[in-house]
């Protein structure tokens, strides 16, 4: 499976948001089993985890 167009566009927006706040993205992964995109940004002791669903909706986890 491949990410949907909505999912891919949301991934670009999420990565842009994280980079605008100077958060290095250390993991960017498409999980074929759950069909979600997982993004992990880490700066010092702060971790930000985001999951992006097929619909393009995303949430912090």
N, C-alpha and C. Protein backbone atom coordinates (compact mmCIF):
# COMPACT_ATOMS: atom_id res chain seq x y z
N UNK A 1 0.84 -1.19 0.00
CA UNK A 1 0.00 0.00 0.00
C UNK A 1 0.88 1.24 0.00
N UNK A 2 0.31 2.30 -0.51
CA UNK A 2 0.98 3.60 -0.52
C UNK A 2 0.12 4.58 0.27
N UNK A 3 0.73 5.64 0.77
CA UNK A 3 -0.06 6.67 1.45
C UNK A 3 -1.05 7.31 0.47
N UNK A 4 -2.17 7.76 1.01
CA UNK A 4 -3.14 8.48 0.18
C UNK A 4 -2.62 9.88 -0.09
N UNK A 5 -3.23 10.55 -1.06
CA UNK A 5 -2.84 11.93 -1.37
C UNK A 5 -3.08 12.82 -0.16
N UNK A 6 -4.22 12.65 0.51
CA UNK A 6 -4.52 13.44 1.71
C UNK A 6 -3.48 13.20 2.80
N UNK A 7 -3.09 11.96 2.95
CA UNK A 7 -2.10 11.59 3.96
C UNK A 7 -0.74 12.22 3.62
N UNK A 8 -0.35 12.16 2.37
CA UNK A 8 0.93 12.73 1.95
C UNK A 8 0.96 14.25 2.13
N UNK A 9 -0.14 14.92 1.79
CA UNK A 9 -0.20 16.37 1.97
C UNK A 9 -0.17 16.74 3.44
N UNK A 10 -0.85 15.97 4.27
CA UNK A 10 -0.82 16.23 5.72
C UNK A 10 0.59 16.02 6.26
N UNK A 11 1.30 15.02 5.74
CA UNK A 11 2.67 14.76 6.19
C UNK A 11 3.57 15.96 5.89
N UNK A 12 3.40 16.55 4.72
CA UNK A 12 4.18 17.74 4.37
C UNK A 12 3.87 18.87 5.34
N UNK A 13 2.58 19.09 5.63
CA UNK A 13 2.19 20.17 6.55
C UNK A 13 2.75 19.93 7.95
N UNK A 14 2.67 18.70 8.44
CA UNK A 14 3.17 18.37 9.78
C UNK A 14 4.69 18.57 9.83
N UNK A 15 5.40 18.08 8.83
CA UNK A 15 6.86 18.24 8.82
C UNK A 15 7.25 19.71 8.73
N UNK A 16 6.51 20.49 7.94
CA UNK A 16 6.77 21.93 7.86
C UNK A 16 6.54 22.60 9.20
N UNK A 17 5.46 22.23 9.88
CA UNK A 17 5.15 22.78 11.20
C UNK A 17 6.28 22.47 12.18
N UNK A 18 6.72 21.22 12.20
CA UNK A 18 7.79 20.83 13.12
C UNK A 18 9.09 21.56 12.80
N UNK A 19 9.44 21.65 11.53
CA UNK A 19 10.70 22.32 11.18
C UNK A 19 10.63 23.82 11.43
N UNK A 20 9.45 24.41 11.35
CA UNK A 20 9.30 25.83 11.66
C UNK A 20 9.59 26.12 13.12
N UNK A 21 9.37 25.13 13.97
CA UNK A 21 9.67 25.27 15.40
C UNK A 21 11.02 24.65 15.75
N UNK A 22 11.86 24.45 14.73
CA UNK A 22 13.23 23.93 14.91
C UNK A 22 13.26 22.59 15.63
N UNK A 23 12.32 21.73 15.29
CA UNK A 23 12.28 20.38 15.86
C UNK A 23 12.85 19.41 14.83
N UNK A 24 14.01 18.81 15.11
CA UNK A 24 14.57 17.83 14.17
C UNK A 24 13.69 16.58 14.07
N UNK A 25 13.38 16.17 12.86
CA UNK A 25 12.59 14.96 12.63
C UNK A 25 13.57 13.79 12.58
N UNK A 26 13.39 12.85 13.50
CA UNK A 26 14.32 11.72 13.57
C UNK A 26 13.73 10.43 13.00
N UNK A 27 12.40 10.33 12.95
CA UNK A 27 11.76 9.16 12.36
C UNK A 27 10.59 9.63 11.49
N UNK A 28 10.54 9.13 10.27
CA UNK A 28 9.42 9.36 9.36
C UNK A 28 9.15 8.01 8.72
N UNK A 29 8.01 7.41 9.05
CA UNK A 29 7.77 6.02 8.63
C UNK A 29 6.33 5.82 8.20
N UNK A 30 6.16 5.09 7.11
CA UNK A 30 4.82 4.66 6.69
C UNK A 30 4.64 3.23 7.17
N UNK A 31 3.67 3.03 8.04
CA UNK A 31 3.37 1.70 8.59
C UNK A 31 2.36 1.03 7.67
N UNK A 32 2.80 0.05 6.90
CA UNK A 32 1.92 -0.60 5.94
C UNK A 32 0.85 -1.45 6.60
N UNK A 33 1.12 -1.94 7.80
CA UNK A 33 0.14 -2.77 8.51
C UNK A 33 -1.05 -1.93 8.98
N UNK A 34 -0.78 -0.79 9.60
CA UNK A 34 -1.84 0.08 10.11
C UNK A 34 -2.22 1.20 9.15
N UNK A 35 -1.48 1.33 8.06
CA UNK A 35 -1.70 2.36 7.04
C UNK A 35 -1.69 3.77 7.62
N UNK A 36 -0.71 4.04 8.46
CA UNK A 36 -0.54 5.38 9.03
C UNK A 36 0.89 5.83 8.80
N UNK A 37 1.07 7.15 8.79
CA UNK A 37 2.41 7.73 8.76
C UNK A 37 2.74 8.14 10.18
N UNK A 38 3.92 7.77 10.62
CA UNK A 38 4.39 8.08 11.98
C UNK A 38 5.57 9.04 11.86
N UNK A 39 5.51 10.13 12.62
CA UNK A 39 6.59 11.12 12.62
C UNK A 39 7.02 11.34 14.06
N UNK A 40 8.33 11.29 14.29
CA UNK A 40 8.90 11.55 15.61
C UNK A 40 9.92 12.66 15.48
N UNK A 41 9.72 13.71 16.26
CA UNK A 41 10.67 14.83 16.31
C UNK A 41 11.20 14.92 17.74
N UNK A 42 12.50 15.09 17.86
CA UNK A 42 13.13 15.13 19.19
C UNK A 42 14.10 16.30 19.25
N UNK A 43 13.97 17.08 20.31
CA UNK A 43 14.92 18.16 20.58
C UNK A 43 15.20 18.15 22.07
N UNK A 44 16.45 17.89 22.41
CA UNK A 44 16.86 17.75 23.80
C UNK A 44 16.01 16.69 24.47
N UNK A 45 15.22 17.04 25.46
CA UNK A 45 14.40 16.04 26.17
C UNK A 45 12.95 16.03 25.72
N UNK A 46 12.62 16.85 24.74
CA UNK A 46 11.24 16.96 24.29
C UNK A 46 11.01 16.08 23.07
N UNK A 47 10.00 15.21 23.14
CA UNK A 47 9.62 14.36 22.02
C UNK A 47 8.23 14.75 21.54
N UNK A 48 8.07 14.84 20.24
CA UNK A 48 6.77 15.09 19.64
C UNK A 48 6.49 13.93 18.70
N UNK A 49 5.39 13.23 18.94
CA UNK A 49 5.00 12.10 18.10
C UNK A 49 3.68 12.43 17.42
N UNK A 50 3.62 12.17 16.12
CA UNK A 50 2.42 12.46 15.34
C UNK A 50 2.07 11.23 14.50
N UNK A 51 0.78 10.92 14.44
CA UNK A 51 0.28 9.87 13.56
C UNK A 51 -0.65 10.53 12.55
N UNK A 52 -0.47 10.17 11.27
CA UNK A 52 -1.29 10.73 10.20
C UNK A 52 -2.09 9.58 9.58
N UNK A 53 -3.41 9.73 9.60
CA UNK A 53 -4.31 8.67 9.13
C UNK A 53 -4.60 8.79 7.63
N UNK A 54 -5.21 7.77 7.06
CA UNK A 54 -5.53 7.73 5.63
C UNK A 54 -6.31 8.96 5.17
N UNK A 55 -7.19 9.46 6.02
CA UNK A 55 -8.03 10.61 5.68
C UNK A 55 -7.26 11.92 5.63
N UNK A 56 -6.02 11.91 6.15
CA UNK A 56 -5.25 13.15 6.23
C UNK A 56 -5.33 13.80 7.59
N UNK A 57 -6.24 13.32 8.43
CA UNK A 57 -6.31 13.83 9.80
C UNK A 57 -5.10 13.32 10.56
N UNK A 58 -4.59 14.13 11.46
CA UNK A 58 -3.43 13.73 12.25
C UNK A 58 -3.66 14.11 13.70
N UNK A 59 -2.88 13.47 14.58
CA UNK A 59 -2.97 13.80 16.00
C UNK A 59 -1.64 13.52 16.67
N UNK A 60 -1.42 14.23 17.76
CA UNK A 60 -0.25 13.97 18.60
C UNK A 60 -0.52 12.72 19.42
N UNK A 61 0.51 11.93 19.65
CA UNK A 61 0.35 10.76 20.52
C UNK A 61 1.39 10.80 21.62
